[in-house]
Protein backbone atom coordinates (compact mmCIF):
# COMPACT_ATOMS: atom_id res chain seq x y z
CA MET A 1 26.60 -19.02 10.59
CA SER A 2 24.08 -16.31 11.42
CA GLY A 3 21.85 -15.71 14.42
CA LYS A 4 19.29 -13.40 16.00
CA GLU A 5 19.22 -11.90 19.47
CA THR A 6 16.80 -9.48 21.11
CA PHE A 7 16.97 -6.80 23.78
CA ILE A 8 15.30 -3.53 24.74
CA PHE A 9 16.93 -0.24 23.80
CA ALA A 10 15.32 2.78 25.51
CA LYS A 11 11.64 1.86 25.08
CA TRP A 12 11.94 -0.15 21.85
CA PRO A 13 12.53 -3.85 21.18
CA VAL A 14 15.60 -4.58 19.07
CA GLU A 15 16.40 -7.57 16.89
CA VAL A 16 20.08 -8.10 16.08
CA HIS A 17 20.76 -10.24 13.03
CA ARG A 18 24.37 -11.29 12.82
CA ARG A 19 26.11 -12.09 9.58
CA PRO A 20 29.59 -13.54 9.09
CA PHE A 21 32.17 -11.25 7.52
CA ARG A 22 29.91 -8.21 7.94
CA ARG A 23 31.80 -5.13 9.10
CA ALA A 24 29.36 -2.21 8.98
CA LEU A 25 26.39 -1.80 11.31
CA SER A 26 23.03 -0.88 9.82
CA VAL A 27 19.61 -0.21 11.29
CA THR A 28 16.12 -0.24 9.77
CA VAL A 29 12.76 0.60 11.32
CA LYS A 30 9.20 -0.18 10.26
CA PRO A 31 5.81 0.50 11.89
CA ASN A 32 4.80 -2.00 14.58
CA GLN A 33 8.05 -3.93 14.25
CA PRO A 34 11.23 -4.16 16.35
CA ILE A 35 14.27 -2.13 15.39
CA ARG A 36 16.31 -4.37 13.10
CA VAL A 37 20.10 -4.20 13.33
CA LEU A 38 22.48 -6.02 11.00
CA ALA A 39 25.85 -6.65 12.62
CA GLY A 40 28.97 -8.76 12.29
CA MET A 41 29.54 -11.82 14.45
CA GLY A 42 32.24 -10.25 16.61
CA LEU A 43 30.50 -7.05 17.71
CA SER A 44 29.45 -6.84 21.35
CA GLN A 45 26.00 -5.73 22.50
CA LYS A 46 27.68 -2.70 24.08
CA GLN A 47 28.98 -1.62 20.66
CA ILE A 48 25.53 -2.09 19.16
CA VAL A 49 23.92 -0.02 21.94
CA GLU A 50 26.46 2.76 21.38
CA PHE A 51 25.57 2.68 17.68
CA LEU A 52 21.87 2.97 18.51
CA LEU A 53 22.57 5.84 20.91
CA SER A 54 24.16 7.73 18.01
CA LYS A 55 20.92 7.17 16.06
CA LYS A 56 18.51 7.90 18.91
CA ASP A 57 17.23 11.25 17.58
CA TRP A 58 16.55 9.69 14.18
CA LEU A 59 14.81 6.73 15.83
CA GLU A 60 12.59 9.07 17.88
CA LYS A 61 11.57 11.03 14.79
CA SER A 62 10.90 7.85 12.81
CA PHE A 63 8.66 6.30 15.46
CA ASP A 64 6.85 9.61 16.04
CA GLN A 65 6.11 9.73 12.31
CA PHE A 66 4.90 6.13 12.36
CA GLN A 67 2.55 6.97 15.24
CA LYS A 68 1.13 9.92 13.31
CA TYR A 69 0.38 7.63 10.39
CA LEU A 70 -1.21 5.04 12.68
CA ASP A 71 -3.35 7.72 14.33
CA GLN A 72 -4.44 9.05 10.94
CA PHE A 73 -4.89 5.64 9.35
CA PRO A 74 -5.77 3.20 12.16
CA GLN A 75 -5.52 -0.50 11.47
CA LYS A 76 -8.73 -1.92 10.05
CA LYS A 77 -10.37 -5.18 11.06
CA ILE A 78 -12.40 -7.30 8.70
CA LYS A 79 -15.64 -7.33 10.63
CA ALA A 80 -19.16 -5.98 10.32
CA ARG A 81 -19.51 -2.18 10.54
CA GLU A 82 -15.84 -1.53 9.78
CA THR A 83 -15.42 0.91 6.88
CA PHE A 84 -13.12 0.50 3.90
CA PRO A 85 -12.29 3.07 1.20
CA PHE A 86 -13.23 2.19 -2.36
CA LEU A 87 -12.84 4.78 -5.11
CA GLY A 88 -12.45 7.45 -2.45
CA MET A 89 -15.67 6.63 -0.58
CA GLU A 90 -15.85 4.93 2.80
CA ARG A 91 -18.11 1.90 2.58
CA GLU A 92 -19.31 -0.07 5.59
CA LEU A 93 -18.70 -3.81 5.61
CA LYS A 94 -21.78 -5.99 6.04
CA VAL A 95 -21.71 -9.73 6.64
CA VAL A 96 -24.43 -11.54 4.72
CA LEU A 97 -25.46 -15.16 4.14
CA THR A 98 -24.87 -16.85 0.78
CA LEU A 99 -25.96 -20.21 -0.56
CA HIS A 100 -22.67 -20.44 -2.46
CA LYS A 101 -20.02 -22.78 -1.05
CA LYS A 102 -17.22 -20.19 -0.91
CA ARG A 103 -16.82 -16.72 0.61
CA PHE A 104 -16.82 -13.77 -1.74
CA ILE A 105 -17.03 -9.98 -1.71
CA SER A 106 -19.48 -7.76 -3.58
CA LEU A 107 -20.27 -4.05 -3.65
CA THR A 108 -23.31 -1.84 -3.34
CA ASP A 109 -23.52 1.95 -3.50
CA GLU A 110 -22.95 2.21 0.25
CA ASN A 111 -21.58 -1.13 1.41
CA ILE A 112 -19.00 -3.81 0.88
CA LEU A 113 -20.66 -7.18 1.41
CA LEU A 114 -18.80 -10.18 2.80
CA HIS A 115 -20.81 -13.23 1.77
CA ILE A 116 -20.45 -16.13 4.21
CA PRO A 117 -21.55 -19.65 3.14
CA ARG A 118 -24.45 -21.16 5.04
CA ASP A 119 -22.26 -23.97 6.39
CA ASP A 120 -19.99 -21.39 8.05
CA TRP A 121 -22.81 -19.28 9.46
CA ARG A 122 -23.13 -19.18 13.23
CA ALA A 123 -24.45 -17.07 16.09
CA GLY A 124 -22.45 -13.93 16.74
CA ILE A 125 -20.92 -13.90 13.26
CA HIS A 126 -21.70 -10.17 12.93
CA ASP A 127 -19.49 -9.39 15.92
CA GLU A 128 -16.54 -11.56 14.87
CA GLU A 129 -13.41 -10.61 13.00
CA HIS A 130 -12.84 -12.39 9.70
CA PRO A 131 -9.09 -12.20 9.02
CA HIS A 132 -9.42 -15.25 6.76
CA ALA A 133 -11.44 -13.06 4.37
CA LEU A 134 -8.47 -10.79 3.62
CA GLU A 135 -7.66 -12.92 0.59
CA ASP A 136 -11.21 -12.44 -0.69
CA LEU A 137 -11.03 -8.70 -0.07
CA ARG A 138 -7.74 -8.41 -1.95
CA PHE A 139 -9.10 -10.47 -4.85
CA PHE A 140 -12.18 -8.25 -5.07
CA TYR A 141 -10.21 -4.99 -5.00
CA LYS A 142 -7.72 -6.23 -7.58
CA ARG A 143 -10.43 -7.49 -9.92
CA GLU A 144 -12.34 -4.21 -9.77
CA ALA A 145 -9.13 -2.21 -10.12
CA MET A 146 -8.10 -3.98 -13.30
CA ARG A 147 -11.45 -3.20 -14.91
CA PHE A 148 -11.48 0.39 -13.71
CA LEU A 149 -7.87 1.25 -14.55
CA LEU A 150 -7.97 -0.37 -18.00
CA GLU A 151 -10.93 1.84 -18.81
CA LYS A 152 -9.03 4.89 -17.50
CA VAL A 153 -6.08 4.03 -19.75
CA ARG A 154 -8.40 3.61 -22.72
CA GLN A 155 -10.09 6.97 -22.14
CA TRP A 156 -6.91 8.95 -21.55
CA SER A 157 -5.04 7.25 -24.40
CA MET A 158 -7.70 8.50 -26.80
CA LEU A 159 -7.61 12.01 -25.34
CA MET A 160 -3.81 12.23 -25.36
CA ASN A 161 -3.28 10.16 -28.52
CA LEU A 162 -0.70 8.10 -26.64
CA TYR A 163 -1.08 4.34 -26.54
CA PRO A 164 0.90 1.88 -24.42
CA SER A 165 1.98 -1.45 -25.89
CA LYS A 166 0.74 -3.20 -22.76
CA VAL A 167 -0.72 -2.50 -19.32
CA VAL A 168 0.52 -4.57 -16.38
CA PHE A 169 -0.83 -4.52 -12.82
CA ARG A 170 1.49 -4.71 -9.84
CA GLU A 171 1.36 -4.34 -6.08
CA GLN A 172 3.97 -1.98 -4.68
CA LYS A 173 4.09 -0.19 -1.36
CA THR A 174 4.41 3.41 -2.50
CA ARG A 175 4.99 3.38 -6.25
CA TRP A 176 1.79 3.90 -8.19
CA GLY A 177 2.95 3.53 -11.76
CA SER A 178 5.85 3.28 -14.17
CA CYS A 179 6.53 3.24 -17.88
CA SER A 180 9.24 1.20 -19.61
CA SER A 181 11.22 1.94 -22.77
CA LYS A 182 9.10 -0.76 -24.44
CA LYS A 183 6.02 1.40 -23.77
CA ILE A 184 4.71 -0.99 -21.15
CA ILE A 185 2.77 0.81 -18.41
CA ASN A 186 2.70 -0.67 -14.92
CA LEU A 187 -0.10 0.40 -12.59
CA ASN A 188 -0.55 -0.36 -8.91
CA TRP A 189 -3.96 -2.00 -8.60
CA ARG A 190 -4.37 -0.54 -5.09
CA LEU A 191 -5.16 2.81 -6.74
CA ILE A 192 -8.76 1.58 -6.61
CA VAL A 193 -8.80 2.70 -2.96
CA PHE A 194 -8.50 6.38 -3.89
CA ALA A 195 -10.83 8.86 -5.54
CA PRO A 196 -10.94 8.47 -9.35
CA GLU A 197 -9.11 11.74 -9.99
CA LEU A 198 -6.00 10.35 -8.28
CA ALA A 199 -6.05 7.40 -10.68
CA ASP A 200 -6.41 9.96 -13.49
CA TYR A 201 -3.20 11.62 -12.34
CA VAL A 202 -1.22 8.38 -12.30
CA VAL A 203 -2.53 7.27 -15.70
CA VAL A 204 -1.87 10.65 -17.33
CA HIS A 205 1.59 10.73 -15.74
CA GLU A 206 2.54 7.35 -17.17
CA LEU A 207 1.02 8.00 -20.59
CA ALA A 208 2.99 11.26 -20.78
CA HIS A 209 6.15 9.16 -20.40
CA LEU A 210 5.34 7.55 -23.74
CA GLN A 211 6.24 10.92 -25.27
CA HIS A 212 8.84 12.11 -22.75
CA MET A 213 10.85 9.41 -20.94
CA ASN A 214 11.98 11.87 -18.28
CA HIS A 215 10.62 14.50 -15.91
CA SER A 216 11.63 17.49 -17.97
CA SER A 217 9.66 20.71 -18.23
CA HIS A 218 8.16 19.36 -21.46
CA PHE A 219 6.91 16.29 -19.62
CA TRP A 220 5.23 18.30 -16.86
CA ALA A 221 3.77 20.70 -19.40
CA LEU A 222 2.10 17.74 -21.11
CA VAL A 223 0.71 16.48 -17.80
CA GLU A 224 -0.55 19.96 -16.92
CA LYS A 225 -2.18 20.34 -20.31
CA HIS A 226 -4.50 17.45 -19.49
CA LEU A 227 -4.63 17.86 -15.70
CA PRO A 228 -4.11 21.51 -14.68
CA GLU A 229 -4.54 20.52 -10.99
CA TYR A 230 -1.91 17.75 -11.14
CA LYS A 231 0.22 19.26 -8.33
CA THR A 232 -2.70 19.10 -5.90
CA LEU A 233 -3.49 15.54 -6.95
CA ARG A 234 0.14 14.47 -6.57
CA LYS A 235 0.26 16.00 -3.07
CA THR A 236 -2.99 14.30 -2.05
CA LEU A 237 -1.75 10.94 -3.26
CA LYS A 238 1.43 11.29 -1.24
CA GLU A 239 -0.40 12.36 1.91
CA THR A 240 -2.99 9.56 1.79
CA GLN A 241 -0.89 6.68 0.49
CA MET A 242 -1.20 4.81 3.81
CA GLU A 243 -4.91 4.33 3.20
CA VAL A 244 -4.11 1.19 1.20
CA SER A 245 -2.39 -0.54 4.12
CA PHE A 246 -5.48 -2.64 4.97
CA LEU A 247 -4.83 -4.54 1.72
CA ASN A 248 -1.34 -5.60 2.76
CA PRO A 249 -0.98 -9.40 2.75
CA ASN A 250 -0.46 -11.02 6.12
């Protein structure tokens, strides 16, 4: 039998999830979520608090880092005049009327358009949030990403004379690409959020693995041959990876 209990430690909410036969204590933290502790059935709350006290400095640093990310990349709301990055450019969301029966998203040079069916149109719709449109936004970004990234792979494959057996699109939190021993390249479709040169870096990186299945000096020399500025691009990608968080599923 397992259970969950909650309490406040210092200034943070804590969730304790108990598991039978578990001996070790463990703790995980995530932005905007309670501290999660896994504990055995027989441990007292006092023992858990003592464990958290031993981790307090680490918890402080973790939550400070989360706050920095939230300050730099504030949570976005799907509503008119909110901006969303697409290929490295911030585009303002506009809510427009459509005669179609379903919502959909389209793109202009400056805007992302959320098309609302006439039957759903009402006064004040420009001031409302549209969280139900997240699915439409994700579908639009993924569709455009597949087109864009496939073309990137085609272009760089010709330039590097390295051709994958297959390209697969995935959605991962912080991993942007991978290459298997079967020469299958996996790309994170959320790369469409970033400037095109960051997608170039990921594509070149994974294509280089078709020749060197490691991160040896030969591998990096091949990457640098095609992208001399790859170190800057890699650093930028790491520093801005939270920009894709608005596409997280609910």
